[in-house]
Amino acid sequence: RDAGLLGDRALVTSAEAATPVLLKMAEVSLRGWGFADYGALQRNRALVGELARADVASAGMGLRTAAHWGTLEMYLARKFTGRAYDLDLSRYSLWVNAAVKF
């Protein structure tokens, strides 16, 4: 029993140590995606259909964000529990909805 508790504590400690690094990586990725989408819009701003392209770029960024966070969540679960983790569709759709609003 004590060994199990120590193992759980070690997992939590490892997760806490890794979280700031992973969050920084996510922040940099999101910023890069945002600049890429913004740059594409600026290059095409004089063309007809700018609003449609803006919507598509925003949706694309949202979906990439959702995929990124979903992958990050699965990675953390596998790393710290040692078990495969299936991200079900309802949770994935939550990521998509939150990211598109972002």
PDB file of N, CA and C in Angstrom:
ATOM      1  N   ARG A   1       0.834  -1.205   0.000  1.00  0.00           N
ATOM      2  CA  ARG A   1       0.000   0.000   0.000  1.00  0.00           C
ATOM      3  C   ARG A   1       0.874   1.264   0.000  1.00  0.00           C
ATOM      4  N   ASP A   2       1.909   1.266   0.858  1.00  0.00           N
ATOM      5  CA  ASP A   2       2.796   2.435   0.902  1.00  0.00           C
ATOM      6  C   ASP A   2       3.503   2.652  -0.435  1.00  0.00           C
ATOM      7  N   ALA A   3       3.898   1.549  -1.072  1.00  0.00           N
ATOM      8  CA  ALA A   3       4.574   1.674  -2.368  1.00  0.00           C
ATOM      9  C   ALA A   3       3.634   2.293  -3.398  1.00  0.00           C
ATOM     10  N   GLY A   4       2.362   1.912  -3.340  1.00  0.00           N
ATOM     11  CA  GLY A   4       1.381   2.488  -4.265  1.00  0.00           C
ATOM     12  C   GLY A   4       1.214   3.975  -4.051  1.00  0.00           C
ATOM     13  N   LEU A   5       1.161   4.396  -2.785  1.00  0.00           N
ATOM     14  CA  LEU A   5       1.027   5.820  -2.478  1.00  0.00           C
ATOM     15  C   LEU A   5       2.248   6.606  -2.939  1.00  0.00           C
ATOM     16  N   LEU A   6       3.428   6.021  -2.711  1.00  0.00           N
ATOM     17  CA  LEU A   6       4.650   6.689  -3.159  1.00  0.00           C
ATOM     18  C   LEU A   6       4.675   6.811  -4.680  1.00  0.00           C
ATOM     19  N   GLY A   7       4.210   5.757  -5.358  1.00  0.00           N
ATOM     20  CA  GLY A   7       4.158   5.801  -6.821  1.00  0.00           C
ATOM     21  C   GLY A   7       3.219   6.888  -7.311  1.00  0.00           C
ATOM     22  N   ASP A   8       2.052   7.006  -6.658  1.00  0.00           N
ATOM     23  CA  ASP A   8       1.094   8.053  -7.038  1.00  0.00           C
ATOM     24  C   ASP A   8       1.686   9.437  -6.817  1.00  0.00           C
ATOM     25  N   ARG A   9       2.378   9.606  -5.683  1.00  0.00           N
ATOM     26  CA  ARG A   9       3.003  10.905  -5.398  1.00  0.00           C
ATOM     27  C   ARG A   9       4.058  11.240  -6.447  1.00  0.00           C
ATOM     28  N   ALA A  10       4.817  10.240  -6.855  1.00  0.00           N
ATOM     29  CA  ALA A  10       5.852  10.463  -7.870  1.00  0.00           C
ATOM     30  C   ALA A  10       5.224  10.889  -9.194  1.00  0.00           C
ATOM     31  N   LEU A  11       4.089  10.269  -9.558  1.00  0.00           N
ATOM     32  CA  LEU A  11       3.409  10.651 -10.796  1.00  0.00           C
ATOM     33  C   LEU A  11       2.935  12.094 -10.739  1.00  0.00           C
ATOM     34  N   VAL A  12       2.349  12.479  -9.618  1.00  0.00           N
ATOM     35  CA  VAL A  12       1.846  13.845  -9.466  1.00  0.00           C
ATOM     36  C   VAL A  12       2.994  14.841  -9.524  1.00  0.00           C
ATOM     37  N   THR A  13       4.090  14.517  -8.835  1.00  0.00           N
ATOM     38  CA  THR A  13       5.257  15.403  -8.838  1.00  0.00           C
ATOM     39  C   THR A  13       5.821  15.556 -10.248  1.00  0.00           C
ATOM     40  N   SER A  14       5.902  14.450 -10.985  1.00  0.00           N
ATOM     41  CA  SER A  14       6.404  14.512 -12.359  1.00  0.00           C
ATOM     42  C   SER A  14       5.497  15.356 -13.237  1.00  0.00           C
ATOM     43  N   ALA A  15       4.190  15.190 -13.073  1.00  0.00           N
ATOM     44  CA  ALA A  15       3.231  15.959 -13.867  1.00  0.00           C
ATOM     45  C   ALA A  15       3.351  17.442 -13.563  1.00  0.00           C
ATOM     46  N   GLU A  16       3.498  17.772 -12.288  1.00  0.00           N
ATOM     47  CA  GLU A  16       3.634  19.182 -11.908  1.00  0.00           C
ATOM     48  C   GLU A  16       4.906  19.778 -12.489  1.00  0.00           C
ATOM     49  N   ALA A  17       5.968  18.993 -12.521  1.00  0.00           N
ATOM     50  CA  ALA A  17       7.236  19.493 -13.055  1.00  0.00           C
ATOM     51  C   ALA A  17       7.163  19.688 -14.570  1.00  0.00           C
ATOM     52  N   ALA A  18       6.447  18.811 -15.254  1.00  0.00           N
ATOM     53  CA  ALA A  18       6.394  18.871 -16.718  1.00  0.00           C
ATOM     54  C   ALA A  18       5.387  19.889 -17.231  1.00  0.00           C
ATOM     55  N   THR A  19       4.374  20.203 -16.446  1.00  0.00           N
ATOM     56  CA  THR A  19       3.281  21.059 -16.924  1.00  0.00           C
ATOM     57  C   THR A  19       3.738  22.428 -17.427  1.00  0.00           C
ATOM     58  N   PRO A  20       4.580  23.186 -16.699  1.00  0.00           N
ATOM     59  CA  PRO A  20       4.979  24.509 -17.214  1.00  0.00           C
ATOM     60  C   PRO A  20       5.665  24.439 -18.578  1.00  0.00           C
ATOM     61  N   VAL A  21       6.481  23.413 -18.782  1.00  0.00           N
ATOM     62  CA  VAL A  21       7.184  23.267 -20.060  1.00  0.00           C
ATOM     63  C   VAL A  21       6.185  22.987 -21.173  1.00  0.00           C
ATOM     64  N   LEU A  22       5.246  22.071 -20.906  1.00  0.00           N
ATOM     65  CA  LEU A  22       4.261  21.720 -21.924  1.00  0.00           C
ATOM     66  C   LEU A  22       3.350  22.896 -22.238  1.00  0.00           C
ATOM     67  N   LEU A  23       2.966  23.656 -21.218  1.00  0.00           N
ATOM     68  CA  LEU A  23       2.109  24.812 -21.452  1.00  0.00           C
ATOM     69  C   LEU A  23       2.841  25.870 -22.272  1.00  0.00           C
ATOM     70  N   LYS A  24       4.131  26.043 -22.023  1.00  0.00           N
ATOM     71  CA  LYS A  24       4.916  27.006 -22.800  1.00  0.00           C
ATOM     72  C   LYS A  24       4.981  26.572 -24.260  1.00  0.00           C
ATOM     73  N   MET A  25       5.168  25.272 -24.481  1.00  0.00           N
ATOM     74  CA  MET A  25       5.194  24.762 -25.847  1.00  0.00           C
ATOM     75  C   MET A  25       3.858  25.017 -26.537  1.00  0.00           C
ATOM     76  N   ALA A  26       2.774  24.797 -25.813  1.00  0.00           N
ATOM     77  CA  ALA A  26       1.439  25.021 -26.384  1.00  0.00           C
ATOM     78  C   ALA A  26       1.241  26.492 -26.716  1.00  0.00           C
ATOM     79  N   GLU A  27       1.696  27.364 -25.835  1.00  0.00           N
ATOM     80  CA  GLU A  27       1.557  28.809 -26.061  1.00  0.00           C
ATOM     81  C   GLU A  27       2.303  29.237 -27.317  1.00  0.00           C
ATOM     82  N   VAL A  28       3.510  28.741 -27.488  1.00  0.00           N
ATOM     83  CA  VAL A  28       4.306  29.091 -28.667  1.00  0.00           C
ATOM     84  C   VAL A  28       3.633  28.571 -29.935  1.00  0.00           C
ATOM     85  N   SER A  29       3.097  27.349 -29.869  1.00  0.00           N
ATOM     86  CA  SER A  29       2.414  26.783 -31.035  1.00  0.00           C
ATOM     87  C   SER A  29       1.202  27.612 -31.409  1.00  0.00           C
ATOM     88  N   LEU A  30       0.401  27.974 -30.407  1.00  0.00           N
ATOM     89  CA  LEU A  30      -0.798  28.767 -30.670  1.00  0.00           C
ATOM     90  C   LEU A  30      -0.441  30.113 -31.270  1.00  0.00           C
ATOM     91  N   ARG A  31       0.606  30.740 -30.734  1.00  0.00           N
ATOM     92  CA  ARG A  31       1.018  32.044 -31.253  1.00  0.00           C
ATOM     93  C   ARG A  31       1.468  31.911 -32.712  1.00  0.00           C
ATOM     94  N   GLY A  32       2.209  30.861 -33.009  1.00  0.00           N
ATOM     95  CA  GLY A  32       2.655  30.631 -34.382  1.00  0.00           C
ATOM     96  C   GLY A  32       1.490  30.424 -35.329  1.00  0.00           C
ATOM     97  N   TRP A  33       0.513  29.633 -34.906  1.00  0.00           N
ATOM     98  CA  TRP A  33      -0.667  29.413 -35.754  1.00  0.00           C
ATOM     99  C   TRP A  33      -1.406  30.722 -35.977  1.00  0.00           C
ATOM    100  N   GLY A  34      -1.537  31.518 -34.921  1.00  0.00           N
ATOM    101  CA  GLY A  34      -2.251  32.794 -35.036  1.00  0.00           C
ATOM    102  C   GLY A  34      -1.575  33.719 -36.028  1.00  0.00           C
ATOM    103  N   PHE A  35      -0.243  33.819 -35.951  1.00  0.00           N
ATOM    104  CA  PHE A  35       0.484  34.681 -36.884  1.00  0.00           C
ATOM    105  C   PHE A  35       0.379  34.161 -38.315  1.00  0.00           C
ATOM    106  N   ALA A  36       0.414  32.842 -38.479  1.00  0.00           N
ATOM    107  CA  ALA A  36       0.303  32.274 -39.823  1.00  0.00           C
ATOM    108  C   ALA A  36      -1.050  32.612 -40.434  1.00  0.00           C
ATOM    109  N   ASP A  37      -2.113  32.453 -39.657  1.00  0.00           N
ATOM    110  CA  ASP A  37      -3.454  32.771 -40.157  1.00  0.00           C
ATOM    111  C   ASP A  37      -3.593  34.265 -40.423  1.00  0.00           C
ATOM    112  N   TYR A  38      -3.069  35.085 -39.530  1.00  0.00           N
ATOM    113  CA  TYR A  38      -3.163  36.538 -39.696  1.00  0.00           C
ATOM    114  C   TYR A  38      -2.405  36.972 -40.954  1.00  0.00           C
ATOM    115  N   GLY A  39      -1.225  36.383 -41.146  1.00  0.00           N
ATOM    116  CA  GLY A  39      -0.437  36.718 -42.329  1.00  0.00           C
ATOM    117  C   GLY A  39      -1.164  36.354 -43.615  1.00  0.00           C
ATOM    118  N   ALA A  40      -1.812  35.200 -43.620  1.00  0.00           N
ATOM    119  CA  ALA A  40      -2.560  34.781 -44.809  1.00  0.00           C
ATOM    120  C   ALA A  40      -3.688  35.758 -45.097  1.00  0.00           C
ATOM    121  N   LEU A  41      -4.354  36.218 -44.065  1.00  0.00           N
ATOM    122  CA  LEU A  41      -5.448  37.175 -44.249  1.00  0.00           C
ATOM    123  C   LEU A  41      -4.924  38.507 -44.768  1.00  0.00           C
ATOM    124  N   GLN A  42      -3.796  38.957 -44.239  1.00  0.00           N
ATOM    125  CA  GLN A  42      -3.244  40.236 -44.682  1.00  0.00           C
ATOM    126  C   GLN A  42      -2.827  40.186 -46.151  1.00  0.00           C
ATOM    127  N   ARG A  43      -2.262  39.069 -46.569  1.00  0.00           N
ATOM    128  CA  ARG A  43      -1.851  38.945 -47.973  1.00  0.00           C
ATOM    129  C   ARG A  43      -3.055  38.979 -48.910  1.00  0.00           C
ATOM    130  N   ASN A  44      -4.190  38.472 -48.433  1.00  0.00           N
ATOM    131  CA  ASN A  44      -5.366  38.339 -49.294  1.00  0.00           C
ATOM    132  C   ASN A  44      -6.439  39.384 -49.021  1.00  0.00           C
ATOM    133  N   ARG A  45      -6.133  40.389 -48.245  1.00  0.00           N
ATOM    134  CA  ARG A  45      -7.193  41.284 -47.780  1.00  0.00           C
ATOM    135  C   ARG A  45      -7.842  42.097 -48.896  1.00  0.00           C
ATOM    136  N   ALA A  46      -7.139  42.301 -50.006  1.00  0.00           N
ATOM    137  CA  ALA A  46      -7.721  43.107 -51.084  1.00  0.00           C
ATOM    138  C   ALA A  46      -8.617  42.273 -52.002  1.00  0.00           C
ATOM    139  N   LEU A  47      -8.622  40.964 -51.790  1.00  0.00           N
ATOM    140  CA  LEU A  47      -9.397  40.099 -52.669  1.00  0.00           C
ATOM    141  C   LEU A  47     -10.846  40.000 -52.207  1.00  0.00           C
ATOM    142  N   VAL A  48     -11.712  39.655 -53.127  1.00  0.00           N
ATOM    143  CA  VAL A  48     -13.120  39.456 -52.791  1.00  0.00           C
ATOM    144  C   VAL A  48     -13.242  38.231 -51.884  1.00  0.00           C
ATOM    145  N   GLY A  49     -14.161  38.289 -50.931  1.00  0.00           N
ATOM    146  CA  GLY A  49     -14.393  37.142 -50.046  1.00  0.00           C
ATOM    147  C   GLY A  49     -13.509  37.137 -48.818  1.00  0.00           C
ATOM    148  N   GLU A  50     -13.039  38.299 -48.430  1.00  0.00           N
ATOM    149  CA  GLU A  50     -12.138  38.375 -47.267  1.00  0.00           C
ATOM    150  C   GLU A  50     -12.796  37.801 -46.014  1.00  0.00           C
ATOM    151  N   LEU A  51     -14.062  38.123 -45.799  1.00  0.00           N
ATOM    152  CA  LEU A  51     -14.735  37.639 -44.592  1.00  0.00           C
ATOM    153  C   LEU A  51     -14.824  36.128 -44.590  1.00  0.00           C
ATOM    154  N   ALA A  52     -15.104  35.544 -45.728  1.00  0.00           N
ATOM    155  CA  ALA A  52     -15.180  34.083 -45.805  1.00  0.00           C
ATOM    156  C   ALA A  52     -13.832  33.471 -45.470  1.00  0.00           C
ATOM    157  N   ARG A  53     -12.756  34.065 -45.995  1.00  0.00           N
ATOM    158  CA  ARG A  53     -11.428  33.541 -45.686  1.00  0.00           C
ATOM    159  C   ARG A  53     -11.099  33.715 -44.214  1.00  0.00           C
ATOM    160  N   ALA A  54     -11.533  34.814 -43.625  1.00  0.00           N
ATOM    161  CA  ALA A  54     -11.278  35.039 -42.199  1.00  0.00           C
ATOM    162  C   ALA A  54     -11.967  33.970 -41.370  1.00  0.00           C
ATOM    163  N   ASP A  55     -13.206  33.638 -41.729  1.00  0.00           N
ATOM    164  CA  ASP A  55     -13.931  32.599 -41.001  1.00  0.00           C
ATOM    165  C   ASP A  55     -13.235  31.251 -41.137  1.00  0.00           C
ATOM    166  N   VAL A  56     -12.796  30.941 -42.346  1.00  0.00           N
ATOM    167  CA  VAL A  56     -12.119  29.669 -42.574  1.00  0.00           C
ATOM    168  C   VAL A  56     -10.815  29.617 -41.785  1.00  0.00           C
ATOM    169  N   ALA A  57     -10.054  30.718 -41.785  1.00  0.00           N
ATOM    170  CA  ALA A  57      -8.788  30.750 -41.044  1.00  0.00           C
ATOM    171  C   ALA A  57      -9.034  30.585 -39.554  1.00  0.00           C
ATOM    172  N   SER A  58     -10.072  31.240 -39.034  1.00  0.00           N
ATOM    173  CA  SER A  58     -10.377  31.120 -37.605  1.00  0.00           C
ATOM    174  C   SER A  58     -10.778  29.700 -37.256  1.00  0.00           C
ATOM    175  N   ALA A  59     -11.614  29.100 -38.105  1.00  0.00           N
ATOM    176  CA  ALA A  59     -12.039  27.721 -37.849  1.00  0.00           C
ATOM    177  C   ALA A  59     -10.848  26.777 -37.930  1.00  0.00           C
ATOM    178  N   GLY A  60      -9.951  27.028 -38.910  1.00  0.00           N
ATOM    179  CA  GLY A  60      -8.772  26.175 -39.032  1.00  0.00           C
ATOM    180  C   GLY A  60      -7.890  26.272 -37.807  1.00  0.00           C
ATOM    181  N   MET A  61      -7.710  27.480 -37.292  1.00  0.00           N
ATOM    182  CA  MET A  61      -6.909  27.644 -36.086  1.00  0.00           C
ATOM    183  C   MET A  61      -7.571  26.934 -34.915  1.00  0.00           C
ATOM    184  N   GLY A  62      -8.895  27.041 -34.831  1.00  0.00           N
ATOM    185  CA  GLY A  62      -9.607  26.370 -33.745  1.00  0.00           C
ATOM    186  C   GLY A  62      -9.444  24.867 -33.799  1.00  0.00           C
ATOM    187  N   LEU A  63      -9.533  24.303 -34.988  1.00  0.00           N
ATOM    188  CA  LEU A  63      -9.403  22.853 -35.120  1.00  0.00           C
ATOM    189  C   LEU A  63      -7.979  22.400 -34.822  1.00  0.00           C
ATOM    190  N   ARG A  64      -6.986  23.176 -35.282  1.00  0.00           N
ATOM    191  CA  ARG A  64      -5.600  22.816 -34.967  1.00  0.00           C
ATOM    192  C   ARG A  64      -5.353  22.904 -33.467  1.00  0.00           C
ATOM    193  N   THR A  65      -5.944  23.916 -32.829  1.00  0.00           N
ATOM    194  CA  THR A  65      -5.800  24.053 -31.380  1.00  0.00           C
ATOM    195  C   THR A  65      -6.421  22.862 -30.678  1.00  0.00           C
ATOM    196  N   ALA A  66      -7.608  22.471 -31.128  1.00  0.00           N
ATOM    197  CA  ALA A  66      -8.296  21.333 -30.525  1.00  0.00           C
ATOM    198  C   ALA A  66      -7.462  20.065 -30.659  1.00  0.00           C
ATOM    199  N   ALA A  67      -6.917  19.857 -31.847  1.00  0.00           N
ATOM    200  CA  ALA A  67      -6.106  18.667 -32.064  1.00  0.00           C
ATOM    201  C   ALA A  67      -4.862  18.698 -31.185  1.00  0.00           C
ATOM    202  N   HIS A  68      -4.255  19.873 -31.061  1.00  0.00           N
ATOM    203  CA  HIS A  68      -3.048  20.021 -30.247  1.00  0.00           C
ATOM    204  C   HIS A  68      -3.332  19.683 -28.783  1.00  0.00           C
ATOM    205  N   TRP A  69      -4.393  20.284 -28.225  1.00  0.00           N
ATOM    206  CA  TRP A  69      -4.702  20.040 -26.817  1.00  0.00           C
ATOM    207  C   TRP A  69      -5.144  18.608 -26.582  1.00  0.00           C
ATOM    208  N   GLY A  70      -5.896  18.051 -27.544  1.00  0.00           N
ATOM    209  CA  GLY A  70      -6.306  16.653 -27.407  1.00  0.00           C
ATOM    210  C   GLY A  70      -5.104  15.731 -27.395  1.00  0.00           C
ATOM    211  N   THR A  71      -4.157  15.988 -28.281  1.00  0.00           N
ATOM    212  CA  THR A  71      -2.938  15.185 -28.336  1.00  0.00           C
ATOM    213  C   THR A  71      -2.129  15.352 -27.059  1.00  0.00           C
ATOM    214  N   LEU A  72      -2.032  16.582 -26.564  1.00  0.00           N
ATOM    215  CA  LEU A  72      -1.300  16.847 -25.327  1.00  0.00           C
ATOM    216  C   LEU A  72      -1.930  16.100 -24.159  1.00  0.00           C
ATOM    217  N   GLU A  73      -3.265  16.105 -24.109  1.00  0.00           N
ATOM    218  CA  GLU A  73      -3.963  15.413 -23.029  1.00  0.00           C
ATOM    219  C   GLU A  73      -3.696  13.912 -23.088  1.00  0.00           C
ATOM    220  N   MET A  74      -3.731  13.338 -24.300  1.00  0.00           N
ATOM    221  CA  MET A  74      -3.472  11.905 -24.445  1.00  0.00           C
ATOM    222  C   MET A  74      -2.029  11.581 -24.067  1.00  0.00           C
ATOM    223  N   TYR A  75      -1.092  12.443 -24.461  1.00  0.00           N
ATOM    224  CA  TYR A  75       0.321  12.230 -24.138  1.00  0.00           C
ATOM    225  C   TYR A  75       0.537  12.212 -22.624  1.00  0.00           C
ATOM    226  N   LEU A  76      -0.054  13.201 -21.938  1.00  0.00           N
ATOM    227  CA  LEU A  76       0.112  13.265 -20.490  1.00  0.00           C
ATOM    228  C   LEU A  76      -0.486  12.046 -19.808  1.00  0.00           C
ATOM    229  N   ALA A  77      -1.659  11.627 -20.267  1.00  0.00           N
ATOM    230  CA  ALA A  77      -2.298  10.460 -19.654  1.00  0.00           C
ATOM    231  C   ALA A  77      -1.434   9.220 -19.841  1.00  0.00           C
ATOM    232  N   ARG A  78      -0.890   9.052 -21.043  1.00  0.00           N
ATOM    233  CA  ARG A  78      -0.056   7.872 -21.293  1.00  0.00           C
ATOM    234  C   ARG A  78       1.243   7.945 -20.491  1.00  0.00           C
ATOM    235  N   LYS A  79       1.843   9.120 -20.452  1.00  0.00           N
ATOM    236  CA  LYS A  79       3.130   9.276 -19.762  1.00  0.00           C
ATOM    237  C   LYS A  79       3.011   9.046 -18.268  1.00  0.00           C
ATOM    238  N   PHE A  80       1.950   9.580 -17.665  1.00  0.00           N
ATOM    239  CA  PHE A  80       1.885   9.553 -16.210  1.00  0.00           C
ATOM    240  C   PHE A  80       1.039   8.425 -15.639  1.00  0.00           C
ATOM    241  N   THR A  81       0.289   7.709 -16.475  1.00  0.00           N
ATOM    242  CA  THR A  81      -0.457   6.559 -15.964  1.00  0.00           C
ATOM    243  C   THR A  81       0.049   5.266 -16.567  1.00  0.00           C
ATOM    244  N   GLY A  82       0.785   5.374 -17.672  1.00  0.00           N
ATOM    245  CA  GLY A  82       1.286   4.175 -18.322  1.00  0.00           C
ATOM    246  C   GLY A  82       0.218   3.445 -19.121  1.00  0.00           C
ATOM    247  N   ARG A  83      -0.962   4.032 -19.240  1.00  0.00           N
ATOM    248  CA  ARG A  83      -2.061   3.387 -19.962  1.00  0.00           C
ATOM    249  C   ARG A  83      -2.412   4.214 -21.197  1.00  0.00           C
ATOM    250  N   ALA A  84      -2.882   3.513 -22.219  1.00  0.00           N
ATOM    251  CA  ALA A  84      -3.375   4.223 -23.402  1.00  0.00           C
ATOM    252  C   ALA A  84      -4.635   4.984 -23.013  1.00  0.00           C
ATOM    253  N   TYR A  85      -4.847   6.094 -23.645  1.00  0.00           N
ATOM    254  CA  TYR A  85      -5.973   6.964 -23.296  1.00  0.00           C
ATOM    255  C   TYR A  85      -6.724   7.314 -24.566  1.00  0.00           C
ATOM    256  N   ASP A  86      -8.004   6.984 -24.605  1.00  0.00           N
ATOM    257  CA  ASP A  86      -8.822   7.286 -25.781  1.00  0.00           C
ATOM    258  C   ASP A  86      -9.602   8.556 -25.529  1.00  0.00           C
ATOM    259  N   LEU A  87      -9.409   9.528 -26.397  1.00  0.00           N
ATOM    260  CA  LEU A  87     -10.146  10.788 -26.294  1.00  0.00           C
ATOM    261  C   LEU A  87     -11.461  10.600 -27.036  1.00  0.00           C
ATOM    262  N   ASP A  88     -12.556  10.436 -26.288  1.00  0.00           N
ATOM    263  CA  ASP A  88     -13.826  10.158 -26.956  1.00  0.00           C
ATOM    264  C   ASP A  88     -14.338  11.396 -27.699  1.00  0.00           C
ATOM    265  N   LEU A  89     -15.288  11.175 -28.587  1.00  0.00           N
ATOM    266  CA  LEU A  89     -15.743  12.252 -29.466  1.00  0.00           C
ATOM    267  C   LEU A  89     -16.370  13.408 -28.715  1.00  0.00           C
ATOM    268  N   SER A  90     -17.067  13.131 -27.618  1.00  0.00           N
ATOM    269  CA  SER A  90     -17.704  14.229 -26.887  1.00  0.00           C
ATOM    270  C   SER A  90     -16.649  15.165 -26.298  1.00  0.00           C
ATOM    271  N   ARG A  91     -15.568  14.602 -25.774  1.00  0.00           N
ATOM    272  CA  ARG A  91     -14.500  15.441 -25.226  1.00  0.00           C
ATOM    273  C   ARG A  91     -13.787  16.185 -26.351  1.00  0.00           C
ATOM    274  N   TYR A  92     -13.590  15.514 -27.488  1.00  0.00           N
ATOM    275  CA  TYR A  92     -12.931  16.175 -28.611  1.00  0.00           C
ATOM    276  C   TYR A  92     -13.774  17.341 -29.110  1.00  0.00           C
ATOM    277  N   SER A  93     -15.098  17.152 -29.156  1.00  0.00           N
ATOM    278  CA  SER A  93     -15.955  18.245 -29.621  1.00  0.00           C
ATOM    279  C   SER A  93     -15.911  19.416 -28.648  1.00  0.00           C
ATOM    280  N   LEU A  94     -15.734  19.138 -27.357  1.00  0.00           N
ATOM    281  CA  LEU A  94     -15.576  20.229 -26.389  1.00  0.00           C
ATOM    282  C   LEU A  94     -14.315  21.027 -26.697  1.00  0.00           C
ATOM    283  N   TRP A  95     -13.228  20.330 -27.012  1.00  0.00           N
ATOM    284  CA  TRP A  95     -11.982  21.014 -27.373  1.00  0.00           C
ATOM    285  C   TRP A  95     -12.205  21.872 -28.612  1.00  0.00           C
ATOM    286  N   VAL A  96     -12.896  21.309 -29.613  1.00  0.00           N
ATOM    287  CA  VAL A  96     -13.123  22.049 -30.859  1.00  0.00           C
ATOM    288  C   VAL A  96     -13.935  23.302 -30.588  1.00  0.00           C
ATOM    289  N   ASN A  97     -15.035  23.161 -29.837  1.00  0.00           N
ATOM    290  CA  ASN A  97     -15.895  24.316 -29.559  1.00  0.00           C
ATOM    291  C   ASN A  97     -15.151  25.399 -28.787  1.00  0.00           C
ATOM    292  N   ALA A  98     -14.390  24.988 -27.774  1.00  0.00           N
ATOM    293  CA  ALA A  98     -13.646  25.962 -26.969  1.00  0.00           C
ATOM    294  C   ALA A  98     -12.585  26.650 -27.823  1.00  0.00           C
ATOM    295  N   ALA A  99     -11.916  25.883 -28.656  1.00  0.00           N
ATOM    296  CA  ALA A  99     -10.834  26.444 -29.454  1.00  0.00           C
ATOM    297  C   ALA A  99     -11.350  27.387 -30.531  1.00  0.00           C
ATOM    298  N   VAL A 100     -12.480  27.062 -31.147  1.00  0.00           N
ATOM    299  CA  VAL A 100     -13.027  27.939 -32.179  1.00  0.00           C
ATOM    300  C   VAL A 100     -13.435  29.269 -31.565  1.00  0.00           C
ATOM    301  N   LYS A 101     -13.965  29.224 -30.338  1.00  0.00           N
ATOM    302  CA  LYS A 101     -14.320  30.473 -29.660  1.00  0.00           C
ATOM    303  C   LYS A 101     -13.071  31.279 -29.333  1.00  0.00           C
ATOM    304  N   PHE A 102     -11.968  30.567 -29.026  1.00  0.00           N
ATOM    305  CA  PHE A 102     -10.702  31.231 -28.746  1.00  0.00           C
ATOM    306  C   PHE A 102     -10.266  32.016 -29.973  1.00  0.00           C
TER     307      PHE A 102
END
